[in-house]
């Protein structure tokens, strides 16, 4: 659920830039871009909220709030990187981006460390 919600989030936050690049939304006023993005973000929330409720230890799930947040951030950045690599041809990965991903993996390791 978190992966799919992050697909929606990425499209809500950055999809309008792709539409602008494709000359679809070039003349749209900012308020229309915002409403368009909110419409997409609605589906993100429809998946994120239940995923967090199900995953939270206080509701019988296996994760603390800190663990859920770190998992969410890692998923978010991973989905973002994959989608942006396909959507925007000018965006390329460099060594420092890979180093940042290693740091994220370490963050997951440390947040789950007992």
Protein backbone atom coordinates (compact mmCIF):
# COMPACT_ATOMS: atom_id res chain seq x y z
CA UNK A 1 0.00 0.00 0.00
CA UNK A 2 2.83 2.40 0.81
CA UNK A 3 4.53 1.79 -2.52
CA UNK A 4 1.36 2.46 -4.50
CA UNK A 5 0.57 5.52 -2.37
CA UNK A 6 4.02 6.89 -3.18
CA UNK A 7 3.40 6.41 -6.88
CA UNK A 8 0.35 8.65 -6.50
CA UNK A 9 2.34 11.10 -4.35
CA UNK A 10 5.10 11.39 -6.95
CA UNK A 11 2.58 12.03 -9.71
CA UNK A 12 0.74 14.57 -7.52
CA UNK A 13 3.92 16.48 -6.70
CA UNK A 14 5.79 16.23 -10.02
CA UNK A 15 3.33 15.01 -12.66
CA UNK A 16 2.26 18.56 -13.50
CA UNK A 17 5.87 19.29 -14.49
CA UNK A 18 5.72 16.43 -16.97
CA UNK A 19 2.39 17.71 -18.28
CA UNK A 20 3.99 21.13 -18.73
CA UNK A 21 6.95 19.55 -20.52
CA UNK A 22 4.49 17.78 -22.83
CA UNK A 23 2.76 21.14 -23.51
CA UNK A 24 -0.51 19.88 -21.98
CA UNK A 25 -0.75 22.16 -18.93
CA UNK A 26 1.32 25.11 -20.15
CA UNK A 27 -1.57 27.58 -19.98
CA UNK A 28 -3.15 26.26 -16.79
CA UNK A 29 -3.38 28.73 -13.91
CA UNK A 30 -1.58 27.76 -10.70
CA UNK A 31 -4.86 27.11 -8.87
CA UNK A 32 -5.81 24.50 -11.48
CA UNK A 33 -2.40 22.83 -11.09
CA UNK A 34 -2.94 22.75 -7.32
CA UNK A 35 -6.43 21.28 -7.64
CA UNK A 36 -5.17 18.72 -10.16
CA UNK A 37 -2.41 17.68 -7.74
CA UNK A 38 -4.85 17.51 -4.80
CA UNK A 39 -7.08 15.25 -6.85
CA UNK A 40 -4.21 12.82 -7.35
CA UNK A 41 -3.06 13.18 -3.73
CA UNK A 42 -6.50 12.07 -2.55
CA UNK A 43 -5.69 8.55 -3.77
CA UNK A 44 -2.32 8.70 -2.04
CA UNK A 45 -4.04 9.42 1.27
CA UNK A 46 -6.59 6.66 0.64
CA UNK A 47 -3.67 4.23 0.69
CA UNK A 48 -1.23 5.87 3.13
CA UNK A 49 -3.63 6.35 6.03
CA UNK A 50 -4.82 2.71 6.15
CA UNK A 51 -1.26 1.42 5.60
CA UNK A 52 -0.03 3.40 8.60
CA UNK A 53 -3.00 2.33 10.74
CA UNK A 54 -2.44 -1.33 9.85
CA UNK A 55 1.34 -1.15 10.32
CA UNK A 56 1.34 0.80 13.63
CA UNK A 57 2.15 -1.29 16.70
CA UNK A 58 -0.58 0.52 18.66
CA UNK A 59 -3.12 -1.03 16.29
CA UNK A 60 -1.60 -4.51 16.32
CA UNK A 61 0.92 -3.94 13.53
CA UNK A 62 4.64 -4.67 13.74
CA UNK A 63 6.10 -1.12 13.51
CA UNK A 64 6.67 1.84 15.81
CA UNK A 65 5.91 5.33 14.54
CA UNK A 66 9.61 6.01 13.95
CA UNK A 67 9.99 2.78 12.02
CA UNK A 68 6.92 3.58 9.90
CA UNK A 69 8.30 7.04 9.10
CA UNK A 70 11.71 5.75 8.04
CA UNK A 71 10.10 3.01 5.93
CA UNK A 72 7.86 5.66 4.33
CA UNK A 73 10.82 7.92 3.49
CA UNK A 74 12.86 5.11 1.96
CA UNK A 75 9.90 3.97 -0.14
CA UNK A 76 9.16 7.57 -1.12
CA UNK A 77 12.67 8.31 -2.33
CA UNK A 78 12.98 4.97 -4.10
CA UNK A 79 9.68 5.38 -5.96
CA UNK A 80 10.56 9.01 -6.74
CA UNK A 81 13.95 8.03 -8.19
CA UNK A 82 12.53 5.25 -10.35
CA UNK A 83 9.61 7.29 -11.69
CA UNK A 84 11.60 10.45 -12.32
CA UNK A 85 14.27 8.45 -14.15
CA UNK A 86 11.57 7.30 -16.57
CA UNK A 87 9.48 10.49 -16.71
CA UNK A 88 12.25 13.07 -17.08
CA UNK A 89 15.05 12.13 -19.46
CA UNK A 90 17.40 14.88 -18.25
CA UNK A 91 17.54 13.53 -14.70
CA UNK A 92 20.40 11.10 -14.14
CA UNK A 93 21.75 9.34 -11.09
CA UNK A 94 25.23 10.20 -9.88
CA UNK A 95 27.54 8.67 -7.28
CA UNK A 96 26.30 11.02 -4.56
CA UNK A 97 22.72 9.86 -5.13
CA UNK A 98 23.84 6.27 -4.65
CA UNK A 99 25.73 7.30 -1.50
CA UNK A 100 22.50 8.88 -0.22
CA UNK A 101 20.65 5.60 -0.82
CA UNK A 102 23.29 3.76 1.20
CA UNK A 103 22.64 6.25 4.01
CA UNK A 104 18.91 5.51 3.75
CA UNK A 105 19.58 1.79 4.02
CA UNK A 106 21.68 2.51 7.09
CA UNK A 107 18.82 4.59 8.51
CA UNK A 108 16.50 1.61 8.16
CA UNK A 109 19.09 -0.61 9.82
CA UNK A 110 19.53 1.76 12.76
CA UNK A 111 15.83 2.43 13.31
CA UNK A 112 15.18 -1.31 13.56
CA UNK A 113 18.21 -1.96 15.78
CA UNK A 114 17.17 -3.10 19.26
